[in-house]
């Protein structure tokens, strides 16, 4: 991980933390969202490094994945913070029932939105834009649907 990219991911993490804290009004939920977004960005970087040639297109797309990652992390963190008292597993179950339909729908519609890029005759569009967003969507769905609830419940 290059020093410049590491600084940008760290800056993105801090930005997500403060914006989520301001919007949600709940520091633990904001911290969970920021850490999940950072994990998604780092997972995106790792998978893209393994599958794609890292260049001037892949680096910025990894940093931009922080913005897309918010959609997978902040909703669950917010619902978890708003869930009533009780055991963590019950709170996680309540948050999951509220957010999972939207997370699944968002992942599917985002995939369908970028799917036409695979038909673009310009290989860069298909490889980097379609491929990178598929990696982001897969990492986001994995974290939003399995990792975050698993850590809480």
Protein backbone atom coordinates (compact mmCIF):
# COMPACT_ATOMS: atom_id res chain seq x y z
CA UNK A 1 0.00 0.00 0.00
CA UNK A 2 1.63 3.21 -1.14
CA UNK A 3 2.08 6.00 1.38
CA UNK A 4 -0.14 8.37 -0.60
CA UNK A 5 -2.94 5.83 -0.87
CA UNK A 6 -2.66 5.02 2.84
CA UNK A 7 -3.00 8.70 3.72
CA UNK A 8 -6.06 9.03 1.48
CA UNK A 9 -7.73 5.96 3.02
CA UNK A 10 -6.96 7.28 6.53
CA UNK A 11 -8.38 10.68 5.59
CA UNK A 12 -11.49 8.96 4.24
CA UNK A 13 -11.86 7.02 7.48
CA UNK A 14 -11.66 10.22 9.54
CA UNK A 15 -14.12 11.97 7.22
CA UNK A 16 -16.61 9.09 7.47
CA UNK A 17 -16.20 9.07 11.25
CA UNK A 18 -16.98 12.77 11.69
CA UNK A 19 -19.79 12.92 9.12
CA UNK A 20 -21.42 9.77 10.52
CA UNK A 21 -21.06 11.12 14.05
CA UNK A 22 -22.66 14.42 13.03
CA UNK A 23 -25.51 12.72 11.16
CA UNK A 24 -26.14 9.79 13.51
CA UNK A 25 -25.33 11.58 16.76
CA UNK A 26 -23.92 8.31 18.10
CA UNK A 27 -20.14 7.97 18.43
CA UNK A 28 -20.01 4.14 18.71
CA UNK A 29 -22.22 3.76 15.62
CA UNK A 30 -20.10 6.30 13.75
CA UNK A 31 -16.90 4.50 14.76
CA UNK A 32 -18.33 1.16 13.61
CA UNK A 33 -19.32 2.68 10.27
CA UNK A 34 -15.90 4.30 9.79
CA UNK A 35 -14.03 1.08 10.60
CA UNK A 36 -16.30 -0.96 8.32
CA UNK A 37 -15.79 1.53 5.48
CA UNK A 38 -12.03 1.37 5.97
CA UNK A 39 -12.15 -2.44 5.94
CA UNK A 40 -14.17 -2.41 2.72
CA UNK A 41 -11.70 0.00 1.09
CA UNK A 42 -8.73 -2.14 2.15
CA UNK A 43 -10.47 -5.32 0.97
CA UNK A 44 -11.16 -3.63 -2.35
CA UNK A 45 -7.50 -2.67 -2.61
CA UNK A 46 -6.35 -6.20 -1.78
CA UNK A 47 -8.65 -7.97 -4.21
CA UNK A 48 -7.97 -5.45 -6.98
CA UNK A 49 -4.22 -5.83 -6.40
CA UNK A 50 -4.60 -9.57 -6.84
CA UNK A 51 -6.87 -9.43 -9.89
CA UNK A 52 -6.07 -6.16 -11.67
CA UNK A 53 -2.94 -4.25 -12.51
CA UNK A 54 -2.69 -1.38 -10.05
CA UNK A 55 -2.29 1.90 -11.87
CA UNK A 56 -3.63 5.45 -11.92
CA UNK A 57 -7.18 4.13 -12.38
CA UNK A 58 -7.25 1.48 -9.66
CA UNK A 59 -5.78 3.63 -6.88
CA UNK A 60 -8.38 6.40 -6.96
CA UNK A 61 -11.17 3.86 -7.38
CA UNK A 62 -10.03 2.15 -4.18
CA UNK A 63 -10.22 5.48 -2.35
CA UNK A 64 -13.61 6.24 -3.92
CA UNK A 65 -14.85 2.91 -2.61
CA UNK A 66 -15.00 4.53 0.84
CA UNK A 67 -17.98 6.56 -0.37
CA UNK A 68 -19.81 3.51 -1.67
CA UNK A 69 -18.92 1.58 1.48
CA UNK A 70 -20.90 4.03 3.61
CA UNK A 71 -24.07 2.62 2.06
CA UNK A 72 -23.23 -0.84 3.38
CA UNK A 73 -22.03 0.20 6.83
CA UNK A 74 -23.84 3.29 8.08
CA UNK A 75 -27.39 1.96 7.80
CA UNK A 76 -26.71 -1.10 9.94
CA UNK A 77 -24.66 0.92 12.44
CA UNK A 78 -27.46 3.48 12.72
CA UNK A 79 -30.16 0.83 13.16
CA UNK A 80 -28.05 -0.94 15.75
CA UNK A 81 -27.56 2.29 17.69
CA UNK A 82 -31.30 2.99 17.57
CA UNK A 83 -32.30 -0.54 18.57
CA UNK A 84 -33.79 -0.83 22.03
CA UNK A 85 -32.07 -2.31 25.05
CA UNK A 86 -31.59 -5.98 25.55
CA UNK A 87 -28.98 -8.52 24.57
CA UNK A 88 -26.68 -7.69 21.67
CA UNK A 89 -28.05 -10.57 19.61
CA UNK A 90 -31.60 -9.19 19.87
CA UNK A 91 -30.45 -5.69 18.96
CA UNK A 92 -28.47 -7.07 16.01
CA UNK A 93 -31.51 -9.08 14.88
CA UNK A 94 -33.72 -5.99 15.02
CA UNK A 95 -31.14 -3.96 13.07
CA UNK A 96 -30.76 -6.76 10.52
CA UNK A 97 -34.51 -6.97 9.93
CA UNK A 98 -34.64 -3.23 9.29
CA UNK A 99 -31.61 -2.88 7.03
CA UNK A 100 -31.04 -6.13 5.14
CA UNK A 101 -33.77 -5.63 2.52
CA UNK A 102 -32.39 -2.19 1.65
CA UNK A 103 -28.77 -3.47 1.63
CA UNK A 104 -29.66 -6.32 -0.71
CA UNK A 105 -31.71 -4.09 -3.00
CA UNK A 106 -28.97 -1.46 -3.07
CA UNK A 107 -26.31 -4.02 -3.96
CA UNK A 108 -28.42 -5.52 -6.73
CA UNK A 109 -29.45 -2.19 -8.26
CA UNK A 110 -25.90 -0.86 -8.11
CA UNK A 111 -24.68 -3.99 -9.89
CA UNK A 112 -27.37 -3.63 -12.55
CA UNK A 113 -26.45 0.03 -12.98
CA UNK A 114 -22.81 -0.77 -13.84
CA UNK A 115 -23.49 -4.04 -15.69
CA UNK A 116 -23.72 -2.37 -19.14
CA UNK A 117 -20.06 -1.36 -18.76
CA UNK A 118 -19.06 -4.96 -19.40
CA UNK A 119 -20.32 -4.51 -22.97
CA UNK A 120 -18.19 -1.42 -23.60
CA UNK A 121 -15.67 -2.12 -26.38
CA UNK A 122 -13.08 -0.09 -24.46
CA UNK A 123 -11.39 -2.65 -22.22
CA UNK A 124 -10.56 -0.07 -19.55
CA UNK A 125 -14.26 0.54 -18.87
CA UNK A 126 -15.04 -3.13 -18.52
CA UNK A 127 -11.93 -4.07 -16.56
CA UNK A 128 -11.49 -1.17 -14.19
CA UNK A 129 -14.87 0.47 -13.78
CA UNK A 130 -17.12 -2.59 -13.97
CA UNK A 131 -14.55 -4.84 -12.28
CA UNK A 132 -13.71 -2.42 -9.49
CA UNK A 133 -17.34 -1.65 -8.69
CA UNK A 134 -18.11 -5.37 -8.58
CA UNK A 135 -15.27 -5.80 -6.09
CA UNK A 136 -16.59 -2.88 -4.01
CA UNK A 137 -20.13 -4.28 -4.10
CA UNK A 138 -18.96 -7.75 -3.10
CA UNK A 139 -16.81 -6.45 -0.24
CA UNK A 140 -19.56 -4.10 0.91
CA UNK A 141 -22.24 -6.78 0.84
CA UNK A 142 -19.97 -9.22 2.66
CA UNK A 143 -19.23 -6.73 5.41
CA UNK A 144 -22.71 -5.22 5.64
CA UNK A 145 -24.60 -8.50 5.62
CA UNK A 146 -22.25 -10.85 7.46
CA UNK A 147 -19.22 -9.28 9.16
CA UNK A 148 -20.86 -6.35 10.98
CA UNK A 149 -23.82 -8.38 12.30
CA UNK A 150 -21.49 -11.24 13.20
CA UNK A 151 -19.26 -8.97 15.26
CA UNK A 152 -22.25 -7.64 17.20
CA UNK A 153 -24.45 -10.71 17.51
